[in-house]
PDB file of N, CA and C in Angstrom:
ATOM      1  N   MET A   1      40.216   3.258  31.096  1.00  0.00           N
ATOM      2  CA  MET A   1      40.541   3.702  32.182  1.00  0.00           C
ATOM      3  C   MET A   1      38.745   3.563  32.965  1.00  0.00           C
ATOM      4  N   PHE A   2      37.827   3.696  32.277  1.00  0.00           N
ATOM      5  CA  PHE A   2      36.760   3.499  32.521  1.00  0.00           C
ATOM      6  C   PHE A   2      36.088   2.219  32.900  1.00  0.00           C
ATOM      7  N   ARG A   3      36.515   1.286  32.242  1.00  0.00           N
ATOM      8  CA  ARG A   3      36.475  -0.119  33.021  1.00  0.00           C
ATOM      9  C   ARG A   3      37.336  -0.923  33.710  1.00  0.00           C
ATOM     10  N   LEU A   4      38.103  -0.041  34.121  1.00  0.00           N
ATOM     11  CA  LEU A   4      39.130   0.106  35.122  1.00  0.00           C
ATOM     12  C   LEU A   4      38.384   0.176  36.393  1.00  0.00           C
ATOM     13  N   MET A   5      37.552   1.707  36.568  1.00  0.00           N
ATOM     14  CA  MET A   5      37.024   2.435  37.238  1.00  0.00           C
ATOM     15  C   MET A   5      35.754   1.432  37.417  1.00  0.00           C
ATOM     16  N   MET A   6      34.989   0.639  36.771  1.00  0.00           N
ATOM     17  CA  MET A   6      33.990  -0.030  36.921  1.00  0.00           C
ATOM     18  C   MET A   6      34.211  -1.434  37.875  1.00  0.00           C
ATOM     19  N   ALA A   7      35.218  -1.718  37.427  1.00  0.00           N
ATOM     20  CA  ALA A   7      36.047  -3.416  38.085  1.00  0.00           C
ATOM     21  C   ALA A   7      36.251  -2.588  39.313  1.00  0.00           C
ATOM     22  N   ALA A   8      36.612  -1.918  39.538  1.00  0.00           N
ATOM     23  CA  ALA A   8      37.205  -1.530  41.296  1.00  0.00           C
ATOM     24  C   ALA A   8      35.767  -1.137  41.835  1.00  0.00           C
ATOM     25  N   GLY A   9      34.820  -0.356  41.185  1.00  0.00           N
ATOM     26  CA  GLY A   9      33.628  -0.155  42.078  1.00  0.00           C
ATOM     27  C   GLY A   9      33.024  -1.311  42.109  1.00  0.00           C
ATOM     28  N   ALA A  10      32.704  -2.484  41.283  1.00  0.00           N
ATOM     29  CA  ALA A  10      31.937  -3.631  41.465  1.00  0.00           C
ATOM     30  C   ALA A  10      32.692  -4.521  42.640  1.00  0.00           C
ATOM     31  N   ALA A  11      33.859  -4.466  42.747  1.00  0.00           N
ATOM     32  CA  ALA A  11      34.757  -5.126  43.457  1.00  0.00           C
ATOM     33  C   ALA A  11      34.502  -4.853  44.939  1.00  0.00           C
ATOM     34  N   ALA A  12      34.640  -3.043  45.050  1.00  0.00           N
ATOM     35  CA  ALA A  12      34.225  -2.797  46.388  1.00  0.00           C
ATOM     36  C   ALA A  12      32.790  -3.005  46.772  1.00  0.00           C
ATOM     37  N   TRP A  13      31.857  -2.765  45.767  1.00  0.00           N
ATOM     38  CA  TRP A  13      30.596  -3.133  46.062  1.00  0.00           C
ATOM     39  C   TRP A  13      30.384  -4.757  46.920  1.00  0.00           C
ATOM     40  N   LEU A  14      31.160  -5.565  46.035  1.00  0.00           N
ATOM     41  CA  LEU A  14      30.755  -7.059  46.461  1.00  0.00           C
ATOM     42  C   LEU A  14      31.408  -6.874  47.721  1.00  0.00           C
ATOM     43  N   LEU A  15      32.470  -6.499  48.068  1.00  0.00           N
ATOM     44  CA  LEU A  15      33.409  -6.718  49.304  1.00  0.00           C
ATOM     45  C   LEU A  15      32.132  -6.035  50.421  1.00  0.00           C
ATOM     46  N   ALA A  16      31.483  -5.143  50.169  1.00  0.00           N
ATOM     47  CA  ALA A  16      30.916  -4.201  51.694  1.00  0.00           C
ATOM     48  C   ALA A  16      29.422  -4.855  51.702  1.00  0.00           C
ATOM     49  N   SER A  17      28.689  -5.667  50.559  1.00  0.00           N
ATOM     50  CA  SER A  17      27.502  -6.229  50.804  1.00  0.00           C
ATOM     51  C   SER A  17      27.725  -7.316  51.637  1.00  0.00           C
ATOM     52  N   PRO A  18      26.512  -7.396  52.822  1.00  0.00           N
ATOM     53  CA  PRO A  18      26.608  -8.447  53.801  1.00  0.00           C
ATOM     54  C   PRO A  18      26.823  -9.848  52.816  1.00  0.00           C
ATOM     55  N   ALA A  19      27.323 -10.668  53.940  1.00  0.00           N
ATOM     56  CA  ALA A  19      27.208 -12.586  53.576  1.00  0.00           C
ATOM     57  C   ALA A  19      25.856 -12.977  53.331  1.00  0.00           C
ATOM     58  N   VAL A  20      25.848 -13.893  52.194  1.00  0.00           N
ATOM     59  CA  VAL A  20      24.684 -14.526  51.925  1.00  0.00           C
ATOM     60  C   VAL A  20      24.144 -15.376  53.243  1.00  0.00           C
ATOM     61  N   ALA A  21      22.827 -14.927  53.279  1.00  0.00           N
ATOM     62  CA  ALA A  21      22.097 -15.769  54.296  1.00  0.00           C
ATOM     63  C   ALA A  21      22.252 -17.104  54.320  1.00  0.00           C
ATOM     64  N   ALA A  22      21.742 -17.872  55.532  1.00  0.00           N
ATOM     65  CA  ALA A  22      21.913 -19.020  55.660  1.00  0.00           C
ATOM     66  C   ALA A  22      20.576 -19.685  54.997  1.00  0.00           C
ATOM     67  N   THR A  23      20.519 -20.863  54.157  1.00  0.00           N
ATOM     68  CA  THR A  23      20.320 -21.520  53.392  1.00  0.00           C
ATOM     69  C   THR A  23      18.960 -22.032  54.353  1.00  0.00           C
ATOM     70  N   ASN A  24      17.508 -22.269  54.042  1.00  0.00           N
ATOM     71  CA  ASN A  24      16.632 -22.874  54.957  1.00  0.00           C
ATOM     72  C   ASN A  24      16.838 -24.231  55.184  1.00  0.00           C
ATOM     73  N   GLN A  25      17.611 -25.213  55.095  1.00  0.00           N
ATOM     74  CA  GLN A  25      18.390 -26.259  54.975  1.00  0.00           C
ATOM     75  C   GLN A  25      19.085 -26.080  56.209  1.00  0.00           C
ATOM     76  N   GLN A  26      20.188 -25.134  56.100  1.00  0.00           N
ATOM     77  CA  GLN A  26      20.997 -24.970  57.430  1.00  0.00           C
ATOM     78  C   GLN A  26      20.290 -24.347  58.410  1.00  0.00           C
ATOM     79  N   LYS A  27      18.982 -23.504  58.411  1.00  0.00           N
ATOM     80  CA  LYS A  27      18.358 -22.906  59.508  1.00  0.00           C
ATOM     81  C   LYS A  27      17.970 -24.178  59.963  1.00  0.00           C
ATOM     82  N   MET A  28      17.221 -25.053  59.242  1.00  0.00           N
ATOM     83  CA  MET A  28      16.376 -26.115  59.668  1.00  0.00           C
ATOM     84  C   MET A  28      17.452 -26.955  60.974  1.00  0.00           C
ATOM     85  N   GLU A  29      18.505 -27.250  60.404  1.00  0.00           N
ATOM     86  CA  GLU A  29      19.658 -28.226  61.227  1.00  0.00           C
ATOM     87  C   GLU A  29      19.918 -27.293  62.425  1.00  0.00           C
ATOM     88  N   THR A  30      20.309 -26.125  62.346  1.00  0.00           N
ATOM     89  CA  THR A  30      20.452 -24.939  63.547  1.00  0.00           C
ATOM     90  C   THR A  30      19.126 -25.206  64.713  1.00  0.00           C
ATOM     91  N   CYS A  31      17.660 -25.031  63.897  1.00  0.00           N
ATOM     92  CA  CYS A  31      16.656 -25.160  64.901  1.00  0.00           C
ATOM     93  C   CYS A  31      16.851 -26.533  65.512  1.00  0.00           C
ATOM     94  N   ASN A  32      16.823 -27.444  64.896  1.00  0.00           N
ATOM     95  CA  ASN A  32      16.634 -28.837  65.313  1.00  0.00           C
ATOM     96  C   ASN A  32      17.693 -29.221  66.269  1.00  0.00           C
ATOM     97  N   PHE A  33      19.017 -28.749  66.621  1.00  0.00           N
ATOM     98  CA  PHE A  33      20.062 -28.655  67.054  1.00  0.00           C
ATOM     99  C   PHE A  33      19.740 -27.939  68.255  1.00  0.00           C
ATOM    100  N   GLY A  34      18.976 -26.924  68.523  1.00  0.00           N
ATOM    101  CA  GLY A  34      18.699 -26.189  69.526  1.00  0.00           C
ATOM    102  C   GLY A  34      17.497 -26.692  70.213  1.00  0.00           C
ATOM    103  N   ALA A  35      16.830 -27.202  69.218  1.00  0.00           N
ATOM    104  CA  ALA A  35      15.292 -28.079  70.021  1.00  0.00           C
ATOM    105  C   ALA A  35      15.563 -29.531  70.426  1.00  0.00           C
ATOM    106  N   ASP A  36      16.822 -30.124  69.971  1.00  0.00           N
ATOM    107  CA  ASP A  36      17.461 -31.399  70.650  1.00  0.00           C
ATOM    108  C   ASP A  36      18.255 -31.059  71.686  1.00  0.00           C
ATOM    109  N   GLU A  37      18.800 -30.132  71.805  1.00  0.00           N
ATOM    110  CA  GLU A  37      19.896 -29.594  73.105  1.00  0.00           C
ATOM    111  C   GLU A  37      18.835 -29.281  74.305  1.00  0.00           C
ATOM    112  N   GLN A  38      17.546 -28.941  73.944  1.00  0.00           N
ATOM    113  CA  GLN A  38      16.545 -28.358  75.308  1.00  0.00           C
ATOM    114  C   GLN A  38      15.579 -29.680  75.529  1.00  0.00           C
ATOM    115  N   LYS A  39      15.778 -30.688  74.628  1.00  0.00           N
ATOM    116  CA  LYS A  39      15.174 -31.767  75.033  1.00  0.00           C
ATOM    117  C   LYS A  39      13.638 -31.509  74.886  1.00  0.00           C
ATOM    118  N   LEU A  40      12.887 -30.651  73.675  1.00  0.00           N
ATOM    119  CA  LEU A  40      11.645 -30.246  73.535  1.00  0.00           C
ATOM    120  C   LEU A  40      11.135 -31.117  72.844  1.00  0.00           C
ATOM    121  N   THR A  41       9.874 -31.597  73.135  1.00  0.00           N
ATOM    122  CA  THR A  41       8.893 -32.394  72.478  1.00  0.00           C
ATOM    123  C   THR A  41       7.701 -31.727  72.413  1.00  0.00           C
ATOM    124  N   GLY A  42       6.751 -32.614  71.350  1.00  0.00           N
ATOM    125  CA  GLY A  42       5.209 -32.261  71.121  1.00  0.00           C
ATOM    126  C   GLY A  42       5.155 -30.765  70.822  1.00  0.00           C
ATOM    127  N   SER A  43       4.187 -30.091  71.565  1.00  0.00           N
ATOM    128  CA  SER A  43       3.930 -28.748  71.304  1.00  0.00           C
ATOM    129  C   SER A  43       4.851 -27.390  71.554  1.00  0.00           C
ATOM    130  N   ALA A  44       5.395 -27.761  72.516  1.00  0.00           N
ATOM    131  CA  ALA A  44       6.737 -26.756  72.990  1.00  0.00           C
ATOM    132  C   ALA A  44       8.097 -26.620  71.976  1.00  0.00           C
ATOM    133  N   ARG A  45       8.422 -28.108  71.365  1.00  0.00           N
ATOM    134  CA  ARG A  45       9.190 -28.172  69.978  1.00  0.00           C
ATOM    135  C   ARG A  45       8.577 -27.850  68.892  1.00  0.00           C
ATOM    136  N   LYS A  46       7.120 -27.528  68.652  1.00  0.00           N
ATOM    137  CA  LYS A  46       6.863 -27.334  67.508  1.00  0.00           C
ATOM    138  C   LYS A  46       6.932 -25.425  67.596  1.00  0.00           C
ATOM    139  N   SER A  47       6.425 -25.047  68.851  1.00  0.00           N
ATOM    140  CA  SER A  47       6.435 -23.979  69.259  1.00  0.00           C
ATOM    141  C   SER A  47       7.942 -23.096  68.677  1.00  0.00           C
ATOM    142  N   TYR A  48       8.798 -24.059  69.222  1.00  0.00           N
ATOM    143  CA  TYR A  48      10.431 -23.272  69.285  1.00  0.00           C
ATOM    144  C   TYR A  48      10.602 -23.324  67.686  1.00  0.00           C
ATOM    145  N   MET A  49      10.301 -24.537  67.026  1.00  0.00           N
ATOM    146  CA  MET A  49      10.608 -24.580  65.812  1.00  0.00           C
ATOM    147  C   MET A  49       9.957 -23.336  64.674  1.00  0.00           C
ATOM    148  N   ALA A  50       8.598 -22.858  65.265  1.00  0.00           N
ATOM    149  CA  ALA A  50       8.280 -22.334  64.498  1.00  0.00           C
ATOM    150  C   ALA A  50       8.660 -20.792  64.626  1.00  0.00           C
ATOM    151  N   LYS A  51       9.206 -20.505  65.904  1.00  0.00           N
ATOM    152  CA  LYS A  51      10.065 -19.174  66.157  1.00  0.00           C
ATOM    153  C   LYS A  51      11.052 -19.372  65.640  1.00  0.00           C
ATOM    154  N   CYS A  52      11.985 -20.472  65.664  1.00  0.00           N
ATOM    155  CA  CYS A  52      13.187 -20.514  65.144  1.00  0.00           C
ATOM    156  C   CYS A  52      13.426 -20.090  63.477  1.00  0.00           C
ATOM    157  N   MET A  53      12.409 -20.794  62.782  1.00  0.00           N
ATOM    158  CA  MET A  53      12.562 -20.697  61.375  1.00  0.00           C
ATOM    159  C   MET A  53      11.886 -19.404  61.119  1.00  0.00           C
ATOM    160  N   SER A  54      11.304 -18.868  61.878  1.00  0.00           N
ATOM    161  CA  SER A  54      10.663 -17.352  60.930  1.00  0.00           C
ATOM    162  C   SER A  54      11.791 -16.372  61.041  1.00  0.00           C
ATOM    163  N   ASN A  55      11.334 -15.349  59.985  1.00  0.00           N
ATOM    164  CA  ASN A  55      12.601 -14.467  59.790  1.00  0.00           C
ATOM    165  C   ASN A  55      12.794 -13.236  60.365  1.00  0.00           C
ATOM    166  N   LYS A  56      11.826 -13.033  61.954  1.00  0.00           N
ATOM    167  CA  LYS A  56      12.001 -12.063  62.523  1.00  0.00           C
ATOM    168  C   LYS A  56      13.092 -11.652  63.322  1.00  0.00           C
ATOM    169  N   ASP A  57      13.366 -10.790  63.364  1.00  0.00           N
ATOM    170  CA  ASP A  57      14.549 -10.305  64.341  1.00  0.00           C
ATOM    171  C   ASP A  57      14.216 -10.299  65.972  1.00  0.00           C
ATOM    172  N   SER A  58      14.223 -10.880  66.781  1.00  0.00           N
ATOM    173  CA  SER A  58      13.594 -10.978  68.313  1.00  0.00           C
ATOM    174  C   SER A  58      14.867 -10.247  69.377  1.00  0.00           C
ATOM    175  N   PRO A  59      14.287  -8.980  69.826  1.00  0.00           N
ATOM    176  CA  PRO A  59      15.496  -8.611  70.962  1.00  0.00           C
ATOM    177  C   PRO A  59      15.946  -9.560  72.035  1.00  0.00           C
ATOM    178  N   ARG A  60      17.166  -9.252  72.173  1.00  0.00           N
ATOM    179  CA  ARG A  60      17.832 -10.035  73.166  1.00  0.00           C
ATOM    180  C   ARG A  60      17.877  -9.513  74.204  1.00  0.00           C
ATOM    181  N   GLY A  61      18.114 -10.040  75.337  1.00  0.00           N
ATOM    182  CA  GLY A  61      18.329  -9.748  76.801  1.00  0.00           C
ATOM    183  C   GLY A  61      19.581  -8.731  76.719  1.00  0.00           C
ATOM    184  N   LYS A  62      19.747  -8.095  78.164  1.00  0.00           N
ATOM    185  CA  LYS A  62      20.835  -7.136  78.354  1.00  0.00           C
ATOM    186  C   LYS A  62      22.131  -8.107  77.912  1.00  0.00           C
ATOM    187  N   PRO A  63      22.988  -7.719  78.016  1.00  0.00           N
ATOM    188  CA  PRO A  63      24.710  -7.838  77.622  1.00  0.00           C
ATOM    189  C   PRO A  63      25.072  -8.909  78.615  1.00  0.00           C
ATOM    190  N   ILE A  64      25.874  -9.775  78.996  1.00  0.00           N
ATOM    191  CA  ILE A  64      26.497 -10.360  79.972  1.00  0.00           C
ATOM    192  C   ILE A  64      27.169  -9.519  80.699  1.00  0.00           C
ATOM    193  N   GLY A  65      27.345  -9.216  82.034  1.00  0.00           N
ATOM    194  CA  GLY A  65      28.027  -8.392  82.624  1.00  0.00           C
ATOM    195  C   GLY A  65      27.645  -7.095  82.859  1.00  0.00           C
ATOM    196  N   ALA A  66      26.984  -6.739  82.020  1.00  0.00           N
ATOM    197  CA  ALA A  66      26.236  -5.065  82.108  1.00  0.00           C
ATOM    198  C   ALA A  66      25.744  -4.998  83.803  1.00  0.00           C
ATOM    199  N   PRO A  67      26.076  -3.856  83.991  1.00  0.00           N
ATOM    200  CA  PRO A  67      25.474  -3.053  85.093  1.00  0.00           C
ATOM    201  C   PRO A  67      24.187  -3.118  85.247  1.00  0.00           C
ATOM    202  N   ALA A  68      23.231  -3.546  86.364  1.00  0.00           N
ATOM    203  CA  ALA A  68      21.855  -3.373  86.439  1.00  0.00           C
ATOM    204  C   ALA A  68      21.615  -1.778  86.118  1.00  0.00           C
ATOM    205  N   GLY A  69      20.315  -1.817  85.631  1.00  0.00           N
ATOM    206  CA  GLY A  69      19.688  -0.394  85.089  1.00  0.00           C
ATOM    207  C   GLY A  69      20.377  -0.177  83.974  1.00  0.00           C
ATOM    208  N   ALA A  70      21.266  -0.559  83.229  1.00  0.00           N
ATOM    209  CA  ALA A  70      22.231  -0.315  82.075  1.00  0.00           C
ATOM    210  C   ALA A  70      20.976  -0.325  80.855  1.00  0.00           C
ATOM    211  N   PRO A  71      20.878   0.756  80.015  1.00  0.00           N
ATOM    212  CA  PRO A  71      20.105   0.637  78.654  1.00  0.00           C
ATOM    213  C   PRO A  71      20.564  -0.503  77.892  1.00  0.00           C
ATOM    214  N   LYS A  72      19.559  -0.772  77.377  1.00  0.00           N
ATOM    215  CA  LYS A  72      19.840  -2.059  75.875  1.00  0.00           C
ATOM    216  C   LYS A  72      20.241  -1.526  75.153  1.00  0.00           C
ATOM    217  N   PRO A  73      21.070  -2.236  74.283  1.00  0.00           N
ATOM    218  CA  PRO A  73      21.920  -1.782  72.916  1.00  0.00           C
ATOM    219  C   PRO A  73      21.062  -1.344  71.702  1.00  0.00           C
TER     220      PRO A  73
END
């Protein structure tokens, strides 16, 4: 009975955990696509790539369709 409870607990823990983050290669491809889409070159591209590849969460602008003066989420 104990083993069954442990297996159920492990399964629930695995399902509740967040998905695996993107690998560096996947992130690089995404950042390159963004830089290509914006037609960035030289120092602008280098700066964009550095910000894109960093592991920092950056605040986003207000949601589309939000009324003026609405607080940011």
